[in-house]
């Protein structure tokens, strides 16, 4: 028995989508359908990737150390 990524032949890769660029396009007023068509994916794929991207960001934010309470004063020039 061998380990497989998919059941279909040749369908194991995921199309790379730069979500930052997708968000820029959506923020400029384009529809999800038109952006999905440009990237060559379905709108549901964009929605799914959005949720995956946001979940990844949430994990990163949890791992970051908390900011100091005096964050604003720590960046000011000391005279």
PDB file of N, CA and C in Angstrom:
ATOM      1  N   UNK A   1       0.852  -1.169   0.000  1.00  0.00           N
ATOM      2  CA  UNK A   1       0.000   0.000   0.000  1.00  0.00           C
ATOM      3  C   UNK A   1       0.901   1.236   0.000  1.00  0.00           C
ATOM      4  N   UNK A   2       0.567   2.244  -0.830  1.00  0.00           N
ATOM      5  CA  UNK A   2       1.372   3.457  -0.869  1.00  0.00           C
ATOM      6  C   UNK A   2       0.572   4.663  -0.413  1.00  0.00           C
ATOM      7  N   UNK A   3       1.300   5.626   0.106  1.00  0.00           N
ATOM      8  CA  UNK A   3       0.667   6.855   0.583  1.00  0.00           C
ATOM      9  C   UNK A   3       0.422   7.779  -0.602  1.00  0.00           C
ATOM     10  N   UNK A   4      -0.778   8.370  -0.691  1.00  0.00           N
ATOM     11  CA  UNK A   4      -1.132   9.247  -1.796  1.00  0.00           C
ATOM     12  C   UNK A   4      -1.590  10.604  -1.293  1.00  0.00           C
ATOM     13  N   UNK A   5      -1.337  11.627  -2.116  1.00  0.00           N
ATOM     14  CA  UNK A   5      -1.835  12.954  -1.805  1.00  0.00           C
ATOM     15  C   UNK A   5      -3.276  13.112  -2.277  1.00  0.00           C
ATOM     16  N   UNK A   6      -3.588  12.551  -3.421  1.00  0.00           N
ATOM     17  CA  UNK A   6      -4.942  12.633  -3.969  1.00  0.00           C
ATOM     18  C   UNK A   6      -5.319  11.302  -4.594  1.00  0.00           C
ATOM     19  N   UNK A   7      -6.577  11.182  -4.953  1.00  0.00           N
ATOM     20  CA  UNK A   7      -7.029   9.985  -5.653  1.00  0.00           C
ATOM     21  C   UNK A   7      -6.870  10.119  -7.156  1.00  0.00           C
ATOM     22  N   UNK A   8      -6.910  11.352  -7.657  1.00  0.00           N
ATOM     23  CA  UNK A   8      -6.809  11.588  -9.091  1.00  0.00           C
ATOM     24  C   UNK A   8      -5.361  11.734  -9.507  1.00  0.00           C
ATOM     25  N   UNK A   9      -5.059  11.340 -10.718  1.00  0.00           N
ATOM     26  CA  UNK A   9      -3.699  11.472 -11.236  1.00  0.00           C
ATOM     27  C   UNK A   9      -3.428  12.917 -11.624  1.00  0.00           C
ATOM     28  N   UNK A  10      -2.293  13.446 -11.167  1.00  0.00           N
ATOM     29  CA  UNK A  10      -1.868  14.768 -11.566  1.00  0.00           C
ATOM     30  C   UNK A  10      -2.593  15.921 -10.909  1.00  0.00           C
ATOM     31  N   UNK A  11      -3.366  15.687  -9.882  1.00  0.00           N
ATOM     32  CA  UNK A  11      -4.115  16.768  -9.242  1.00  0.00           C
ATOM     33  C   UNK A  11      -3.669  16.992  -7.803  1.00  0.00           C
ATOM     34  N   UNK A  12      -2.388  16.847  -7.529  1.00  0.00           N
ATOM     35  CA  UNK A  12      -1.918  16.965  -6.159  1.00  0.00           C
ATOM     36  C   UNK A  12      -1.412  18.335  -5.769  1.00  0.00           C
ATOM     37  N   UNK A  13      -1.254  19.238  -6.736  1.00  0.00           N
ATOM     38  CA  UNK A  13      -0.674  20.533  -6.391  1.00  0.00           C
ATOM     39  C   UNK A  13      -1.758  21.584  -6.163  1.00  0.00           C
ATOM     40  N   UNK A  14      -1.412  22.542  -5.302  1.00  0.00           N
ATOM     41  CA  UNK A  14      -2.310  23.657  -5.024  1.00  0.00           C
ATOM     42  C   UNK A  14      -1.798  24.881  -5.750  1.00  0.00           C
ATOM     43  N   UNK A  15      -2.688  25.613  -6.351  1.00  0.00           N
ATOM     44  CA  UNK A  15      -2.302  26.836  -7.026  1.00  0.00           C
ATOM     45  C   UNK A  15      -1.917  27.873  -5.969  1.00  0.00           C
ATOM     46  N   UNK A  16      -0.762  28.507  -6.158  1.00  0.00           N
ATOM     47  CA  UNK A  16      -0.293  29.519  -5.226  1.00  0.00           C
ATOM     48  C   UNK A  16      -1.065  30.818  -5.453  1.00  0.00           C
ATOM     49  N   UNK A  17      -1.598  31.373  -4.380  1.00  0.00           N
ATOM     50  CA  UNK A  17      -2.360  32.614  -4.446  1.00  0.00           C
ATOM     51  C   UNK A  17      -1.762  33.583  -3.440  1.00  0.00           C
ATOM     52  N   UNK A  18      -1.382  34.756  -3.914  1.00  0.00           N
ATOM     53  CA  UNK A  18      -0.851  35.805  -3.042  1.00  0.00           C
ATOM     54  C   UNK A  18      -2.036  36.572  -2.468  1.00  0.00           C
ATOM     55  N   UNK A  19      -2.405  36.245  -1.232  1.00  0.00           N
ATOM     56  CA  UNK A  19      -3.605  36.839  -0.641  1.00  0.00           C
ATOM     57  C   UNK A  19      -3.463  38.339  -0.430  1.00  0.00           C
ATOM     58  N   UNK A  20      -2.253  38.842  -0.237  1.00  0.00           N
ATOM     59  CA  UNK A  20      -2.080  40.287  -0.104  1.00  0.00           C
ATOM     60  C   UNK A  20      -2.510  40.990  -1.389  1.00  0.00           C
ATOM     61  N   UNK A  21      -2.135  40.423  -2.535  1.00  0.00           N
ATOM     62  CA  UNK A  21      -2.531  41.002  -3.820  1.00  0.00           C
ATOM     63  C   UNK A  21      -4.033  40.860  -4.035  1.00  0.00           C
ATOM     64  N   UNK A  22      -4.586  39.733  -3.632  1.00  0.00           N
ATOM     65  CA  UNK A  22      -6.035  39.523  -3.748  1.00  0.00           C
ATOM     66  C   UNK A  22      -6.770  40.566  -2.917  1.00  0.00           C
ATOM     67  N   UNK A  23      -6.311  40.798  -1.684  1.00  0.00           N
ATOM     68  CA  UNK A  23      -6.951  41.795  -0.822  1.00  0.00           C
ATOM     69  C   UNK A  23      -6.863  43.189  -1.427  1.00  0.00           C
ATOM     70  N   UNK A  24      -5.726  43.523  -2.056  1.00  0.00           N
ATOM     71  CA  UNK A  24      -5.581  44.827  -2.701  1.00  0.00           C
ATOM     72  C   UNK A  24      -6.600  44.991  -3.823  1.00  0.00           C
ATOM     73  N   UNK A  25      -6.775  43.938  -4.615  1.00  0.00           N
ATOM     74  CA  UNK A  25      -7.747  43.983  -5.703  1.00  0.00           C
ATOM     75  C   UNK A  25      -9.171  44.140  -5.164  1.00  0.00           C
ATOM     76  N   UNK A  26      -9.486  43.406  -4.113  1.00  0.00           N
ATOM     77  CA  UNK A  26     -10.828  43.493  -3.530  1.00  0.00           C
ATOM     78  C   UNK A  26     -11.063  44.866  -2.903  1.00  0.00           C
ATOM     79  N   UNK A  27     -10.034  45.419  -2.258  1.00  0.00           N
ATOM     80  CA  UNK A  27     -10.164  46.743  -1.650  1.00  0.00           C
ATOM     81  C   UNK A  27     -10.320  47.843  -2.685  1.00  0.00           C
ATOM     82  N   UNK A  28      -9.827  47.596  -3.906  1.00  0.00           N
ATOM     83  CA  UNK A  28      -9.970  48.596  -4.963  1.00  0.00           C
ATOM     84  C   UNK A  28     -11.359  48.574  -5.588  1.00  0.00           C
ATOM     85  N   UNK A  29     -12.191  47.627  -5.159  1.00  0.00           N
ATOM     86  CA  UNK A  29     -13.577  47.612  -5.618  1.00  0.00           C
ATOM     87  C   UNK A  29     -13.952  46.471  -6.551  1.00  0.00           C
ATOM     88  N   UNK A  30     -13.022  45.601  -6.843  1.00  0.00           N
ATOM     89  CA  UNK A  30     -13.335  44.471  -7.727  1.00  0.00           C
ATOM     90  C   UNK A  30     -14.130  43.413  -6.973  1.00  0.00           C
ATOM     91  N   UNK A  31     -14.866  42.625  -7.722  1.00  0.00           N
ATOM     92  CA  UNK A  31     -15.670  41.569  -7.105  1.00  0.00           C
ATOM     93  C   UNK A  31     -14.833  40.312  -6.891  1.00  0.00           C
ATOM     94  N   UNK A  32     -15.286  39.469  -5.982  1.00  0.00           N
ATOM     95  CA  UNK A  32     -14.610  38.204  -5.716  1.00  0.00           C
ATOM     96  C   UNK A  32     -14.605  37.357  -6.984  1.00  0.00           C
ATOM     97  N   UNK A  33     -15.698  37.377  -7.718  1.00  0.00           N
ATOM     98  CA  UNK A  33     -15.800  36.583  -8.947  1.00  0.00           C
ATOM     99  C   UNK A  33     -14.753  37.014  -9.977  1.00  0.00           C
ATOM    100  N   UNK A  34     -14.566  38.326 -10.162  1.00  0.00           N
ATOM    101  CA  UNK A  34     -13.604  38.780 -11.170  1.00  0.00           C
ATOM    102  C   UNK A  34     -12.166  38.500 -10.747  1.00  0.00           C
ATOM    103  N   UNK A  35     -11.868  38.654  -9.458  1.00  0.00           N
ATOM    104  CA  UNK A  35     -10.523  38.362  -8.967  1.00  0.00           C
ATOM    105  C   UNK A  35     -10.244  36.865  -9.079  1.00  0.00           C
ATOM    106  N   UNK A  36     -11.222  36.049  -8.724  1.00  0.00           N
ATOM    107  CA  UNK A  36     -11.054  34.596  -8.826  1.00  0.00           C
ATOM    108  C   UNK A  36     -10.795  34.189 -10.275  1.00  0.00           C
ATOM    109  N   UNK A  37     -11.519  34.790 -11.194  1.00  0.00           N
ATOM    110  CA  UNK A  37     -11.336  34.464 -12.611  1.00  0.00           C
ATOM    111  C   UNK A  37      -9.929  34.843 -13.063  1.00  0.00           C
ATOM    112  N   UNK A  38      -9.446  36.001 -12.625  1.00  0.00           N
ATOM    113  CA  UNK A  38      -8.091  36.445 -12.986  1.00  0.00           C
ATOM    114  C   UNK A  38      -7.034  35.470 -12.470  1.00  0.00           C
ATOM    115  N   UNK A  39      -7.209  34.969 -11.248  1.00  0.00           N
ATOM    116  CA  UNK A  39      -6.252  34.041 -10.660  1.00  0.00           C
ATOM    117  C   UNK A  39      -6.450  32.610 -11.148  1.00  0.00           C
ATOM    118  N   UNK A  40      -7.525  32.350 -11.870  1.00  0.00           N
ATOM    119  CA  UNK A  40      -7.767  31.008 -12.402  1.00  0.00           C
ATOM    120  C   UNK A  40      -8.280  30.026 -11.376  1.00  0.00           C
ATOM    121  N   UNK A  41      -9.025  30.536 -10.381  1.00  0.00           N
ATOM    122  CA  UNK A  41      -9.610  29.676  -9.356  1.00  0.00           C
ATOM    123  C   UNK A  41     -11.089  30.033  -9.209  1.00  0.00           C
ATOM    124  N   UNK A  42     -11.815  29.240  -8.450  1.00  0.00           N
ATOM    125  CA  UNK A  42     -13.224  29.527  -8.213  1.00  0.00           C
ATOM    126  C   UNK A  42     -13.367  30.495  -7.037  1.00  0.00           C
ATOM    127  N   UNK A  43     -14.484  31.211  -6.972  1.00  0.00           N
ATOM    128  CA  UNK A  43     -14.718  32.090  -5.828  1.00  0.00           C
ATOM    129  C   UNK A  43     -14.674  31.343  -4.500  1.00  0.00           C
ATOM    130  N   UNK A  44     -15.153  30.105  -4.484  1.00  0.00           N
ATOM    131  CA  UNK A  44     -15.123  29.340  -3.235  1.00  0.00           C
ATOM    132  C   UNK A  44     -13.693  29.035  -2.808  1.00  0.00           C
ATOM    133  N   UNK A  45     -12.787  28.870  -3.774  1.00  0.00           N
ATOM    134  CA  UNK A  45     -11.379  28.674  -3.432  1.00  0.00           C
ATOM    135  C   UNK A  45     -10.813  29.920  -2.776  1.00  0.00           C
ATOM    136  N   UNK A  46     -11.155  31.102  -3.311  1.00  0.00           N
ATOM    137  CA  UNK A  46     -10.686  32.345  -2.687  1.00  0.00           C
ATOM    138  C   UNK A  46     -11.218  32.483  -1.267  1.00  0.00           C
ATOM    139  N   UNK A  47     -12.476  32.145  -1.067  1.00  0.00           N
ATOM    140  CA  UNK A  47     -13.051  32.217   0.283  1.00  0.00           C
ATOM    141  C   UNK A  47     -12.333  31.256   1.228  1.00  0.00           C
ATOM    142  N   UNK A  48     -12.069  30.047   0.743  1.00  0.00           N
ATOM    143  CA  UNK A  48     -11.386  29.057   1.576  1.00  0.00           C
ATOM    144  C   UNK A  48      -9.962  29.508   1.905  1.00  0.00           C
ATOM    145  N   UNK A  49      -9.245  30.046   0.902  1.00  0.00           N
ATOM    146  CA  UNK A  49      -7.886  30.526   1.140  1.00  0.00           C
ATOM    147  C   UNK A  49      -7.872  31.726   2.084  1.00  0.00           C
ATOM    148  N   UNK A  50      -8.908  32.565   2.006  1.00  0.00           N
ATOM    149  CA  UNK A  50      -9.026  33.696   2.925  1.00  0.00           C
ATOM    150  C   UNK A  50      -9.091  33.183   4.366  1.00  0.00           C
ATOM    151  N   UNK A  51      -9.929  32.179   4.605  1.00  0.00           N
ATOM    152  CA  UNK A  51     -10.066  31.632   5.952  1.00  0.00           C
ATOM    153  C   UNK A  51      -8.761  30.973   6.407  1.00  0.00           C
ATOM    154  N   UNK A  52      -8.074  30.275   5.508  1.00  0.00           N
ATOM    155  CA  UNK A  52      -6.797  29.653   5.856  1.00  0.00           C
ATOM    156  C   UNK A  52      -5.753  30.722   6.181  1.00  0.00           C
ATOM    157  N   UNK A  53      -5.720  31.790   5.388  1.00  0.00           N
ATOM    158  CA  UNK A  53      -4.757  32.877   5.588  1.00  0.00           C
ATOM    159  C   UNK A  53      -5.003  33.568   6.924  1.00  0.00           C
ATOM    160  N   UNK A  54      -6.264  33.853   7.221  1.00  0.00           N
ATOM    161  CA  UNK A  54      -6.599  34.522   8.479  1.00  0.00           C
ATOM    162  C   UNK A  54      -6.289  33.627   9.682  1.00  0.00           C
ATOM    163  N   UNK A  55      -6.528  32.332   9.551  1.00  0.00           N
ATOM    164  CA  UNK A  55      -6.215  31.398  10.637  1.00  0.00           C
ATOM    165  C   UNK A  55      -4.707  31.347  10.865  1.00  0.00           C
ATOM    166  N   UNK A  56      -3.924  31.383   9.786  1.00  0.00           N
ATOM    167  CA  UNK A  56      -2.472  31.405   9.908  1.00  0.00           C
ATOM    168  C   UNK A  56      -1.988  32.673  10.597  1.00  0.00           C
ATOM    169  N   UNK A  57      -2.591  33.808  10.247  1.00  0.00           N
ATOM    170  CA  UNK A  57      -2.225  35.062  10.901  1.00  0.00           C
ATOM    171  C   UNK A  57      -2.556  35.032  12.384  1.00  0.00           C
ATOM    172  N   UNK A  58      -3.679  34.439  12.720  1.00  0.00           N
ATOM    173  CA  UNK A  58      -4.071  34.349  14.129  1.00  0.00           C
ATOM    174  C   UNK A  58      -3.048  33.526  14.916  1.00  0.00           C
ATOM    175  N   UNK A  59      -2.554  32.438  14.321  1.00  0.00           N
ATOM    176  CA  UNK A  59      -1.533  31.627  14.997  1.00  0.00           C
ATOM    177  C   UNK A  59      -0.247  32.408  15.184  1.00  0.00           C
ATOM    178  N   UNK A  60       0.140  33.162  14.172  1.00  0.00           N
ATOM    179  CA  UNK A  60       1.355  33.965  14.270  1.00  0.00           C
ATOM    180  C   UNK A  60       1.206  34.999  15.379  1.00  0.00           C
ATOM    181  N   UNK A  61       0.059  35.648  15.431  1.00  0.00           N
ATOM    182  CA  UNK A  61      -0.161  36.682  16.440  1.00  0.00           C
ATOM    183  C   UNK A  61      -0.149  36.101  17.857  1.00  0.00           C
ATOM    184  N   UNK A  62      -0.621  34.870  18.014  1.00  0.00           N
ATOM    185  CA  UNK A  62      -0.607  34.229  19.324  1.00  0.00           C
ATOM    186  C   UNK A  62       0.815  33.937  19.783  1.00  0.00           C
ATOM    187  N   UNK A  63       1.715  33.656  18.821  1.00  0.00           N
ATOM    188  CA  UNK A  63       3.081  33.291  19.162  1.00  0.00           C
ATOM    189  C   UNK A  63       3.964  34.501  19.444  1.00  0.00           C
ATOM    190  N   UNK A  64       3.554  35.685  18.990  1.00  0.00           N
ATOM    191  CA  UNK A  64       4.358  36.875  19.214  1.00  0.00           C
ATOM    192  C   UNK A  64       4.295  37.299  20.674  1.00  0.00           C
ATOM    193  N   UNK A  65       5.402  37.808  21.207  1.00  0.00           N
ATOM    194  CA  UNK A  65       5.363  38.286  22.589  1.00  0.00           C
ATOM    195  C   UNK A  65       4.496  39.539  22.677  1.00  0.00           C
ATOM    196  N   UNK A  66       3.911  39.785  23.822  1.00  0.00           N
ATOM    197  CA  UNK A  66       3.067  40.981  23.959  1.00  0.00           C
ATOM    198  C   UNK A  66       3.897  42.253  23.854  1.00  0.00           C
ATOM    199  N   UNK A  67       3.283  43.297  23.333  1.00  0.00           N
ATOM    200  CA  UNK A  67       3.959  44.586  23.229  1.00  0.00           C
ATOM    201  C   UNK A  67       4.056  45.225  24.599  1.00  0.00           C
ATOM    202  N   UNK A  68       5.119  45.987  24.838  1.00  0.00           N
ATOM    203  CA  UNK A  68       5.220  46.670  26.126  1.00  0.00           C
ATOM    204  C   UNK A  68       4.129  47.731  26.249  1.00  0.00           C
ATOM    205  N   UNK A  69       3.725  47.983  27.473  1.00  0.00           N
ATOM    206  CA  UNK A  69       2.644  48.944  27.693  1.00  0.00           C
ATOM    207  C   UNK A  69       3.049  50.354  27.280  1.00  0.00           C
ATOM    208  N   UNK A  70       4.327  50.665  27.365  1.00  0.00           N
ATOM    209  CA  UNK A  70       4.786  52.006  27.002  1.00  0.00           C
ATOM    210  C   UNK A  70       5.351  52.028  25.574  1.00  0.00           C
ATOM    211  N   UNK A  71       4.691  51.345  24.666  1.00  0.00           N
ATOM    212  CA  UNK A  71       5.184  51.189  23.299  1.00  0.00           C
ATOM    213  C   UNK A  71       5.354  52.538  22.599  1.00  0.00           C
ATOM    214  N   UNK A  72       4.456  53.477  22.829  1.00  0.00           N
ATOM    215  CA  UNK A  72       4.545  54.773  22.149  1.00  0.00           C
ATOM    216  C   UNK A  72       5.762  55.556  22.613  1.00  0.00           C
ATOM    217  N   UNK A  73       6.057  55.516  23.882  1.00  0.00           N
ATOM    218  CA  UNK A  73       7.197  56.275  24.376  1.00  0.00           C
ATOM    219  C   UNK A  73       8.523  55.600  24.051  1.00  0.00           C
ATOM    220  N   UNK A  74       8.511  54.305  23.817  1.00  0.00           N
ATOM    221  CA  UNK A  74       9.767  53.614  23.520  1.00  0.00           C
ATOM    222  C   UNK A  74      10.308  53.958  22.144  1.00  0.00           C
ATOM    223  N   UNK A  75       9.469  54.463  21.223  1.00  0.00           N
ATOM    224  CA  UNK A  75       9.916  54.829  19.894  1.00  0.00           C
ATOM    225  C   UNK A  75      10.215  56.318  19.754  1.00  0.00           C
ATOM    226  N   UNK A  76       9.916  57.108  20.741  1.00  0.00           N
ATOM    227  CA  UNK A  76      10.199  58.531  20.669  1.00  0.00           C
ATOM    228  C   UNK A  76      11.678  58.777  20.925  1.00  0.00           C
ATOM    229  N   UNK A  77      12.189  59.838  20.274  1.00  0.00           N
ATOM    230  CA  UNK A  77      13.594  60.181  20.462  1.00  0.00           C
ATOM    231  C   UNK A  77      13.821  60.652  21.903  1.00  0.00           C
ATOM    232  N   UNK A  78      14.885  60.172  22.462  1.00  0.00           N
ATOM    233  CA  UNK A  78      15.220  60.588  23.822  1.00  0.00           C
ATOM    234  C   UNK A  78      16.130  61.792  23.727  1.00  0.00           C
ATOM    235  N   UNK A  79      15.758  62.823  24.436  1.00  0.00           N
ATOM    236  CA  UNK A  79      16.550  64.076  24.389  1.00  0.00           C
ATOM    237  C   UNK A  79      17.450  64.211  25.582  1.00  0.00           C
TER     238      UNK A  79
END
